[in-house]
Amino acid sequence: MLDELEFRNVAEAALNSLMQHLIAREEDEAGFEVEEQGGALQVLFEEPPGKFVITPNTPVRQIWISALSTSFKLDWDGAASAFVLRAPVSI
């Protein structure tokens, strides 16, 4: 598991990369607007109206994505050097 400083560094880099990618698409008139607010990204959609909020959650070392009535929790995968959505575990 990443320590707090490592998590903050990789989460900040991941969110900055995502923001730059979204800003480039936003300029192509993709039907959404991206804003950074206090370390979180907000993606505001025009049609249908909606909002995704993407935030680092340092205590659990995850990036959380809240989208409408659904949320996703991304974990750091050191082998992939990326945040990933883990598949649910079946018992």
PDB file of N, CA and C in Angstrom:
ATOM      1  N   MET A   1       0.853  -1.196   0.000  1.00  0.00           N
ATOM      2  CA  MET A   1       0.000   0.000   0.000  1.00  0.00           C
ATOM      3  C   MET A   1       0.885   1.241   0.000  1.00  0.00           C
ATOM      4  N   LEU A   2       0.446   2.236  -0.715  1.00  0.00           N
ATOM      5  CA  LEU A   2       1.179   3.497  -0.775  1.00  0.00           C
ATOM      6  C   LEU A   2       1.100   4.216   0.558  1.00  0.00           C
ATOM      7  N   ASP A   3       2.189   4.914   0.925  1.00  0.00           N
ATOM      8  CA  ASP A   3       2.060   5.788   2.097  1.00  0.00           C
ATOM      9  C   ASP A   3       1.341   7.065   1.653  1.00  0.00           C
ATOM     10  N   GLU A   4       1.017   7.927   2.594  1.00  0.00           N
ATOM     11  CA  GLU A   4       0.190   9.102   2.284  1.00  0.00           C
ATOM     12  C   GLU A   4       0.837  10.013   1.245  1.00  0.00           C
ATOM     13  N   LEU A   5       2.113  10.277   1.380  1.00  0.00           N
ATOM     14  CA  LEU A   5       2.791  11.173   0.440  1.00  0.00           C
ATOM     15  C   LEU A   5       2.834  10.568  -0.958  1.00  0.00           C
ATOM     16  N   GLU A   6       3.145   9.269  -1.056  1.00  0.00           N
ATOM     17  CA  GLU A   6       3.155   8.609  -2.363  1.00  0.00           C
ATOM     18  C   GLU A   6       1.766   8.674  -2.995  1.00  0.00           C
ATOM     19  N   PHE A   7       0.727   8.385  -2.192  1.00  0.00           N
ATOM     20  CA  PHE A   7      -0.629   8.440  -2.728  1.00  0.00           C
ATOM     21  C   PHE A   7      -0.951   9.835  -3.236  1.00  0.00           C
ATOM     22  N   ARG A   8      -0.663  10.847  -2.444  1.00  0.00           N
ATOM     23  CA  ARG A   8      -0.964  12.221  -2.874  1.00  0.00           C
ATOM     24  C   ARG A   8      -0.273  12.548  -4.193  1.00  0.00           C
ATOM     25  N   ASN A   9       0.978  12.110  -4.324  1.00  0.00           N
ATOM     26  CA  ASN A   9       1.732  12.403  -5.559  1.00  0.00           C
ATOM     27  C   ASN A   9       1.142  11.701  -6.777  1.00  0.00           C
ATOM     28  N   VAL A  10       0.844  10.387  -6.658  1.00  0.00           N
ATOM     29  CA  VAL A  10       0.312   9.677  -7.825  1.00  0.00           C
ATOM     30  C   VAL A  10      -1.119  10.105  -8.121  1.00  0.00           C
ATOM     31  N   ALA A  11      -1.907  10.398  -7.089  1.00  0.00           N
ATOM     32  CA  ALA A  11      -3.288  10.857  -7.311  1.00  0.00           C
ATOM     33  C   ALA A  11      -3.289  12.223  -7.990  1.00  0.00           C
ATOM     34  N   GLU A  12      -2.428  13.125  -7.539  1.00  0.00           N
ATOM     35  CA  GLU A  12      -2.357  14.449  -8.160  1.00  0.00           C
ATOM     36  C   GLU A  12      -1.927  14.343  -9.621  1.00  0.00           C
ATOM     37  N   ALA A  13      -0.941  13.495  -9.889  1.00  0.00           N
ATOM     38  CA  ALA A  13      -0.484  13.315 -11.274  1.00  0.00           C
ATOM     39  C   ALA A  13      -1.601  12.723 -12.136  1.00  0.00           C
ATOM     40  N   ALA A  14      -2.320  11.746 -11.609  1.00  0.00           N
ATOM     41  CA  ALA A  14      -3.405  11.113 -12.371  1.00  0.00           C
ATOM     42  C   ALA A  14      -4.528  12.110 -12.649  1.00  0.00           C
ATOM     43  N   LEU A  15      -4.911  12.892 -11.648  1.00  0.00           N
ATOM     44  CA  LEU A  15      -5.992  13.862 -11.842  1.00  0.00           C
ATOM     45  C   LEU A  15      -5.569  14.983 -12.781  1.00  0.00           C
ATOM     46  N   ASN A  16      -4.314  15.411 -12.698  1.00  0.00           N
ATOM     47  CA  ASN A  16      -3.825  16.439 -13.626  1.00  0.00           C
ATOM     48  C   ASN A  16      -3.825  15.922 -15.064  1.00  0.00           C
ATOM     49  N   SER A  17      -3.392  14.674 -15.246  1.00  0.00           N
ATOM     50  CA  SER A  17      -3.393  14.086 -16.585  1.00  0.00           C
ATOM     51  C   SER A  17      -4.817  13.970 -17.125  1.00  0.00           C
ATOM     52  N   LEU A  18      -5.734  13.504 -16.284  1.00  0.00           N
ATOM     53  CA  LEU A  18      -7.131  13.399 -16.693  1.00  0.00           C
ATOM     54  C   LEU A  18      -7.696  14.770 -17.038  1.00  0.00           C
ATOM     55  N   MET A  19      -7.396  15.771 -16.217  1.00  0.00           N
ATOM     56  CA  MET A  19      -7.916  17.115 -16.467  1.00  0.00           C
ATOM     57  C   MET A  19      -7.403  17.645 -17.813  1.00  0.00           C
ATOM     58  N   GLN A  20      -6.131  17.458 -18.097  1.00  0.00           N
ATOM     59  CA  GLN A  20      -5.581  17.928 -19.373  1.00  0.00           C
ATOM     60  C   GLN A  20      -6.251  17.221 -20.550  1.00  0.00           C
ATOM     61  N   HIS A  21      -6.480  15.918 -20.399  1.00  0.00           N
ATOM     62  CA  HIS A  21      -7.149  15.162 -21.461  1.00  0.00           C
ATOM     63  C   HIS A  21      -8.578  15.674 -21.663  1.00  0.00           C
ATOM     64  N   LEU A  22      -9.301  15.883 -20.557  1.00  0.00           N
ATOM     65  CA  LEU A  22     -10.683  16.354 -20.656  1.00  0.00           C
ATOM     66  C   LEU A  22     -10.760  17.769 -21.214  1.00  0.00           C
ATOM     67  N   ILE A  23      -9.826  18.625 -20.841  1.00  0.00           N
ATOM     68  CA  ILE A  23      -9.812  20.001 -21.367  1.00  0.00           C
ATOM     69  C   ILE A  23      -9.606  19.972 -22.886  1.00  0.00           C
ATOM     70  N   ALA A  24      -8.727  19.099 -23.363  1.00  0.00           N
ATOM     71  CA  ALA A  24      -8.510  18.987 -24.811  1.00  0.00           C
ATOM     72  C   ALA A  24      -9.792  18.531 -25.508  1.00  0.00           C
ATOM     73  N   ARG A  25     -10.511  17.592 -24.922  1.00  0.00           N
ATOM     74  CA  ARG A  25     -11.783  17.123 -25.510  1.00  0.00           C
ATOM     75  C   ARG A  25     -12.866  18.192 -25.390  1.00  0.00           C
ATOM     76  N   GLU A  26     -12.840  18.924 -24.291  1.00  0.00           N
ATOM     77  CA  GLU A  26     -13.812  19.998 -24.066  1.00  0.00           C
ATOM     78  C   GLU A  26     -13.713  21.033 -25.180  1.00  0.00           C
ATOM     79  N   GLU A  27     -12.504  21.318 -25.612  1.00  0.00           N
ATOM     80  CA  GLU A  27     -12.288  22.293 -26.677  1.00  0.00           C
ATOM     81  C   GLU A  27     -12.815  21.793 -28.020  1.00  0.00           C
ATOM     82  N   ASP A  28     -12.982  20.472 -28.143  1.00  0.00           N
ATOM     83  CA  ASP A  28     -13.539  19.886 -29.366  1.00  0.00           C
ATOM     84  C   ASP A  28     -15.063  19.884 -29.317  1.00  0.00           C
ATOM     85  N   GLU A  29     -15.637  20.651 -28.381  1.00  0.00           N
ATOM     86  CA  GLU A  29     -17.089  20.749 -28.212  1.00  0.00           C
ATOM     87  C   GLU A  29     -17.717  19.383 -27.957  1.00  0.00           C
ATOM     88  N   ALA A  30     -17.246  18.740 -26.898  1.00  0.00           N
ATOM     89  CA  ALA A  30     -17.683  17.390 -26.574  1.00  0.00           C
ATOM     90  C   ALA A  30     -18.979  17.348 -25.772  1.00  0.00           C
ATOM     91  N   GLY A  31     -19.563  18.485 -25.435  1.00  0.00           N
ATOM     92  CA  GLY A  31     -20.820  18.489 -24.695  1.00  0.00           C
ATOM     93  C   GLY A  31     -20.652  18.431 -23.195  1.00  0.00           C
ATOM     94  N   PHE A  32     -19.454  18.763 -22.722  1.00  0.00           N
ATOM     95  CA  PHE A  32     -19.230  18.816 -21.281  1.00  0.00           C
ATOM     96  C   PHE A  32     -18.218  19.913 -20.965  1.00  0.00           C
ATOM     97  N   GLU A  33     -18.151  20.232 -19.688  1.00  0.00           N
ATOM     98  CA  GLU A  33     -17.209  21.230 -19.187  1.00  0.00           C
ATOM     99  C   GLU A  33     -16.517  20.620 -17.978  1.00  0.00           C
ATOM    100  N   VAL A  34     -15.215  20.856 -17.844  1.00  0.00           N
ATOM    101  CA  VAL A  34     -14.468  20.322 -16.711  1.00  0.00           C
ATOM    102  C   VAL A  34     -13.972  21.473 -15.844  1.00  0.00           C
ATOM    103  N   GLU A  35     -14.075  21.294 -14.531  1.00  0.00           N
ATOM    104  CA  GLU A  35     -13.617  22.300 -13.570  1.00  0.00           C
ATOM    105  C   GLU A  35     -12.818  21.608 -12.476  1.00  0.00           C
ATOM    106  N   GLU A  36     -11.783  22.275 -11.995  1.00  0.00           N
ATOM    107  CA  GLU A  36     -11.032  21.795 -10.844  1.00  0.00           C
ATOM    108  C   GLU A  36     -11.446  22.643  -9.662  1.00  0.00           C
ATOM    109  N   GLN A  37     -11.742  22.001  -8.549  1.00  0.00           N
ATOM    110  CA  GLN A  37     -12.190  22.741  -7.373  1.00  0.00           C
ATOM    111  C   GLN A  37     -11.676  22.038  -6.127  1.00  0.00           C
ATOM    112  N   GLY A  38     -10.691  22.639  -5.476  1.00  0.00           N
ATOM    113  CA  GLY A  38     -10.167  22.096  -4.228  1.00  0.00           C
ATOM    114  C   GLY A  38      -9.588  20.705  -4.341  1.00  0.00           C
ATOM    115  N   GLY A  39      -8.907  20.407  -5.448  1.00  0.00           N
ATOM    116  CA  GLY A  39      -8.311  19.095  -5.623  1.00  0.00           C
ATOM    117  C   GLY A  39      -9.231  18.062  -6.241  1.00  0.00           C
ATOM    118  N   ALA A  40     -10.482  18.421  -6.486  1.00  0.00           N
ATOM    119  CA  ALA A  40     -11.443  17.509  -7.110  1.00  0.00           C
ATOM    120  C   ALA A  40     -11.757  18.006  -8.518  1.00  0.00           C
ATOM    121  N   LEU A  41     -12.077  17.071  -9.399  1.00  0.00           N
ATOM    122  CA  LEU A  41     -12.512  17.429 -10.746  1.00  0.00           C
ATOM    123  C   LEU A  41     -14.020  17.264 -10.828  1.00  0.00           C
ATOM    124  N   GLN A  42     -14.652  18.223 -11.482  1.00  0.00           N
ATOM    125  CA  GLN A  42     -16.077  18.127 -11.756  1.00  0.00           C
ATOM    126  C   GLN A  42     -16.252  18.163 -13.268  1.00  0.00           C
ATOM    127  N   VAL A  43     -16.986  17.179 -13.779  1.00  0.00           N
ATOM    128  CA  VAL A  43     -17.291  17.122 -15.204  1.00  0.00           C
ATOM    129  C   VAL A  43     -18.789  17.360 -15.327  1.00  0.00           C
ATOM    130  N   LEU A  44     -19.149  18.482 -15.934  1.00  0.00           N
ATOM    131  CA  LEU A  44     -20.546  18.893 -16.055  1.00  0.00           C
ATOM    132  C   LEU A  44     -21.020  18.623 -17.478  1.00  0.00           C
ATOM    133  N   PHE A  45     -22.058  17.812 -17.610  1.00  0.00           N
ATOM    134  CA  PHE A  45     -22.583  17.437 -18.922  1.00  0.00           C
ATOM    135  C   PHE A  45     -23.784  18.307 -19.273  1.00  0.00           C
ATOM    136  N   GLU A  46     -23.876  18.634 -20.575  1.00  0.00           N
ATOM    137  CA  GLU A  46     -24.977  19.475 -21.053  1.00  0.00           C
ATOM    138  C   GLU A  46     -26.239  18.657 -21.296  1.00  0.00           C
ATOM    139  N   GLU A  47     -26.175  17.619 -22.116  1.00  0.00           N
ATOM    140  CA  GLU A  47     -27.341  16.815 -22.492  1.00  0.00           C
ATOM    141  C   GLU A  47     -27.017  15.339 -22.428  1.00  0.00           C
ATOM    142  N   PRO A  48     -27.676  14.596 -21.637  1.00  0.00           N
ATOM    143  CA  PRO A  48     -28.592  15.061 -20.598  1.00  0.00           C
ATOM    144  C   PRO A  48     -27.774  15.704 -19.474  1.00  0.00           C
ATOM    145  N   PRO A  49     -28.369  16.643 -18.757  1.00  0.00           N
ATOM    146  CA  PRO A  49     -27.643  17.325 -17.692  1.00  0.00           C
ATOM    147  C   PRO A  49     -27.175  16.324 -16.632  1.00  0.00           C
ATOM    148  N   GLY A  50     -25.958  16.505 -16.195  1.00  0.00           N
ATOM    149  CA  GLY A  50     -25.420  15.636 -15.157  1.00  0.00           C
ATOM    150  C   GLY A  50     -24.054  16.114 -14.716  1.00  0.00           C
ATOM    151  N   LYS A  51     -23.537  15.458 -13.683  1.00  0.00           N
ATOM    152  CA  LYS A  51     -22.236  15.853 -13.151  1.00  0.00           C
ATOM    153  C   LYS A  51     -21.525  14.622 -12.610  1.00  0.00           C
ATOM    154  N   PHE A  52     -20.231  14.487 -12.934  1.00  0.00           N
ATOM    155  CA  PHE A  52     -19.351  13.498 -12.318  1.00  0.00           C
ATOM    156  C   PHE A  52     -18.394  14.277 -11.428  1.00  0.00           C
ATOM    157  N   VAL A  53     -18.126  13.745 -10.252  1.00  0.00           N
ATOM    158  CA  VAL A  53     -17.152  14.342  -9.345  1.00  0.00           C
ATOM    159  C   VAL A  53     -16.065  13.301  -9.092  1.00  0.00           C
ATOM    160  N   ILE A  54     -14.820  13.694  -9.312  1.00  0.00           N
ATOM    161  CA  ILE A  54     -13.680  12.782  -9.190  1.00  0.00           C
ATOM    162  C   ILE A  54     -12.762  13.347  -8.112  1.00  0.00           C
ATOM    163  N   THR A  55     -12.608  12.595  -7.011  1.00  0.00           N
ATOM    164  CA  THR A  55     -11.854  13.099  -5.867  1.00  0.00           C
ATOM    165  C   THR A  55     -10.894  12.047  -5.320  1.00  0.00           C
ATOM    166  N   PRO A  56      -9.726  12.494  -4.876  1.00  0.00           N
ATOM    167  CA  PRO A  56      -8.850  11.565  -4.164  1.00  0.00           C
ATOM    168  C   PRO A  56      -9.380  11.383  -2.739  1.00  0.00           C
ATOM    169  N   ASN A  57      -9.305  10.170  -2.228  1.00  0.00           N
ATOM    170  CA  ASN A  57      -9.689   9.888  -0.843  1.00  0.00           C
ATOM    171  C   ASN A  57      -8.444   9.324  -0.161  1.00  0.00           C
ATOM    172  N   THR A  58      -7.687  10.218   0.454  1.00  0.00           N
ATOM    173  CA  THR A  58      -6.387   9.862   1.021  1.00  0.00           C
ATOM    174  C   THR A  58      -6.466   8.800   2.109  1.00  0.00           C
ATOM    175  N   PRO A  59      -7.390   8.870   3.074  1.00  0.00           N
ATOM    176  CA  PRO A  59      -7.386   7.862   4.149  1.00  0.00           C
ATOM    177  C   PRO A  59      -7.468   6.416   3.640  1.00  0.00           C
ATOM    178  N   VAL A  60      -8.197   6.171   2.562  1.00  0.00           N
ATOM    179  CA  VAL A  60      -8.323   4.805   2.033  1.00  0.00           C
ATOM    180  C   VAL A  60      -7.483   4.584   0.781  1.00  0.00           C
ATOM    181  N   ARG A  61      -6.712   5.616   0.362  1.00  0.00           N
ATOM    182  CA  ARG A  61      -5.815   5.544  -0.790  1.00  0.00           C
ATOM    183  C   ARG A  61      -6.542   5.136  -2.067  1.00  0.00           C
ATOM    184  N   GLN A  62      -7.666   5.801  -2.327  1.00  0.00           N
ATOM    185  CA  GLN A  62      -8.444   5.531  -3.526  1.00  0.00           C
ATOM    186  C   GLN A  62      -8.828   6.845  -4.194  1.00  0.00           C
ATOM    187  N   ILE A  63      -9.153   6.761  -5.474  1.00  0.00           N
ATOM    188  CA  ILE A  63      -9.801   7.869  -6.173  1.00  0.00           C
ATOM    189  C   ILE A  63     -11.254   7.465  -6.324  1.00  0.00           C
ATOM    190  N   TRP A  64     -12.146   8.359  -5.921  1.00  0.00           N
ATOM    191  CA  TRP A  64     -13.579   8.081  -5.976  1.00  0.00           C
ATOM    192  C   TRP A  64     -14.207   8.879  -7.098  1.00  0.00           C
ATOM    193  N   ILE A  65     -15.094   8.233  -7.830  1.00  0.00           N
ATOM    194  CA  ILE A  65     -15.855   8.876  -8.897  1.00  0.00           C
ATOM    195  C   ILE A  65     -17.328   8.749  -8.541  1.00  0.00           C
ATOM    196  N   SER A  66     -17.982   9.880  -8.357  1.00  0.00           N
ATOM    197  CA  SER A  66     -19.421   9.899  -8.089  1.00  0.00           C
ATOM    198  C   SER A  66     -20.103  10.350  -9.363  1.00  0.00           C
ATOM    199  N   ALA A  67     -21.033   9.521  -9.840  1.00  0.00           N
ATOM    200  CA  ALA A  67     -21.712   9.793 -11.099  1.00  0.00           C
ATOM    201  C   ALA A  67     -23.184   9.464 -10.942  1.00  0.00           C
ATOM    202  N   LEU A  68     -24.004  10.511 -10.920  1.00  0.00           N
ATOM    203  CA  LEU A  68     -25.435  10.340 -10.743  1.00  0.00           C
ATOM    204  C   LEU A  68     -25.685   9.545  -9.466  1.00  0.00           C
ATOM    205  N   SER A  69     -26.270   8.372  -9.555  1.00  0.00           N
ATOM    206  CA  SER A  69     -26.551   7.602  -8.336  1.00  0.00           C
ATOM    207  C   SER A  69     -25.562   6.461  -8.145  1.00  0.00           C
ATOM    208  N   THR A  70     -24.463   6.475  -8.886  1.00  0.00           N
ATOM    209  CA  THR A  70     -23.470   5.410  -8.828  1.00  0.00           C
ATOM    210  C   THR A  70     -22.124   5.981  -8.414  1.00  0.00           C
ATOM    211  N   SER A  71     -21.340   5.175  -7.728  1.00  0.00           N
ATOM    212  CA  SER A  71     -19.979   5.604  -7.416  1.00  0.00           C
ATOM    213  C   SER A  71     -19.008   4.473  -7.740  1.00  0.00           C
ATOM    214  N   PHE A  72     -17.789   4.864  -8.025  1.00  0.00           N
ATOM    215  CA  PHE A  72     -16.728   3.926  -8.350  1.00  0.00           C
ATOM    216  C   PHE A  72     -15.533   4.271  -7.486  1.00  0.00           C
ATOM    217  N   LYS A  73     -14.821   3.247  -7.033  1.00  0.00           N
ATOM    218  CA  LYS A  73     -13.638   3.438  -6.208  1.00  0.00           C
ATOM    219  C   LYS A  73     -12.450   2.804  -6.926  1.00  0.00           C
ATOM    220  N   LEU A  74     -11.472   3.634  -7.271  1.00  0.00           N
ATOM    221  CA  LEU A  74     -10.304   3.181  -8.008  1.00  0.00           C
ATOM    222  C   LEU A  74      -9.136   2.981  -7.050  1.00  0.00           C
ATOM    223  N   ASP A  75      -8.476   1.838  -7.169  1.00  0.00           N
ATOM    224  CA  ASP A  75      -7.305   1.509  -6.352  1.00  0.00           C
ATOM    225  C   ASP A  75      -6.040   1.664  -7.184  1.00  0.00           C
ATOM    226  N   TRP A  76      -4.934   1.948  -6.504  1.00  0.00           N
ATOM    227  CA  TRP A  76      -3.653   2.050  -7.189  1.00  0.00           C
ATOM    228  C   TRP A  76      -3.139   0.640  -7.478  1.00  0.00           C
ATOM    229  N   ASP A  77      -2.721   0.415  -8.714  1.00  0.00           N
ATOM    230  CA  ASP A  77      -2.111  -0.842  -9.118  1.00  0.00           C
ATOM    231  C   ASP A  77      -0.662  -0.527  -9.470  1.00  0.00           C
ATOM    232  N   GLY A  78       0.242  -0.925  -8.595  1.00  0.00           N
ATOM    233  CA  GLY A  78       1.650  -0.622  -8.794  1.00  0.00           C
ATOM    234  C   GLY A  78       2.225  -1.247 -10.054  1.00  0.00           C
ATOM    235  N   ALA A  79       1.798  -2.466 -10.378  1.00  0.00           N
ATOM    236  CA  ALA A  79       2.303  -3.140 -11.577  1.00  0.00           C
ATOM    237  C   ALA A  79       1.908  -2.383 -12.846  1.00  0.00           C
ATOM    238  N   ALA A  80       0.698  -1.822 -12.850  1.00  0.00           N
ATOM    239  CA  ALA A  80       0.220  -1.074 -14.016  1.00  0.00           C
ATOM    240  C   ALA A  80       0.575   0.405 -13.930  1.00  0.00           C
ATOM    241  N   SER A  81       1.029   0.848 -12.760  1.00  0.00           N
ATOM    242  CA  SER A  81       1.300   2.275 -12.511  1.00  0.00           C
ATOM    243  C   SER A  81       0.096   3.129 -12.868  1.00  0.00           C
ATOM    244  N   ALA A  82      -1.084   2.679 -12.406  1.00  0.00           N
ATOM    245  CA  ALA A  82      -2.322   3.382 -12.717  1.00  0.00           C
ATOM    246  C   ALA A  82      -3.382   3.057 -11.663  1.00  0.00           C
ATOM    247  N   PHE A  83      -4.382   3.933 -11.589  1.00  0.00           N
ATOM    248  CA  PHE A  83      -5.546   3.653 -10.763  1.00  0.00           C
ATOM    249  C   PHE A  83      -6.484   2.789 -11.581  1.00  0.00           C
ATOM    250  N   VAL A  84      -7.009   1.724 -10.962  1.00  0.00           N
ATOM    251  CA  VAL A  84      -7.853   0.769 -11.677  1.00  0.00           C
ATOM    252  C   VAL A  84      -9.127   0.491 -10.878  1.00  0.00           C
ATOM    253  N   LEU A  85     -10.164   0.107 -11.605  1.00  0.00           N
ATOM    254  CA  LEU A  85     -11.409  -0.323 -10.995  1.00  0.00           C
ATOM    255  C   LEU A  85     -11.329  -1.831 -10.844  1.00  0.00           C
ATOM    256  N   ARG A  86     -11.323  -2.278  -9.611  1.00  0.00           N
ATOM    257  CA  ARG A  86     -11.228  -3.719  -9.344  1.00  0.00           C
ATOM    258  C   ARG A  86     -12.572  -4.388  -9.626  1.00  0.00           C
ATOM    259  N   ALA A  87     -12.525  -5.574 -10.179  1.00  0.00           N
ATOM    260  CA  ALA A  87     -13.738  -6.358 -10.410  1.00  0.00           C
ATOM    261  C   ALA A  87     -14.267  -6.844  -9.056  1.00  0.00           C
ATOM    262  N   PRO A  88     -15.576  -6.908  -8.894  1.00  0.00           N
ATOM    263  CA  PRO A  88     -16.134  -7.411  -7.637  1.00  0.00           C
ATOM    264  C   PRO A  88     -15.681  -8.849  -7.397  1.00  0.00           C
ATOM    265  N   VAL A  89     -15.485  -9.170  -6.135  1.00  0.00           N
ATOM    266  CA  VAL A  89     -15.069 -10.522  -5.763  1.00  0.00           C
ATOM    267  C   VAL A  89     -16.311 -11.358  -5.503  1.00  0.00           C
ATOM    268  N   SER A  90     -16.392 -12.534  -6.146  1.00  0.00           N
ATOM    269  CA  SER A  90     -17.530 -13.421  -5.865  1.00  0.00           C
ATOM    270  C   SER A  90     -17.061 -14.526  -4.923  1.00  0.00           C
ATOM    271  N   ILE A  91     -17.978 -14.919  -4.100  1.00  0.00           N
ATOM    272  CA  ILE A  91     -17.663 -15.958  -3.113  1.00  0.00           C
ATOM    273  C   ILE A  91     -18.348 -17.243  -3.519  1.00  0.00           C
TER     274      ILE A  91
END
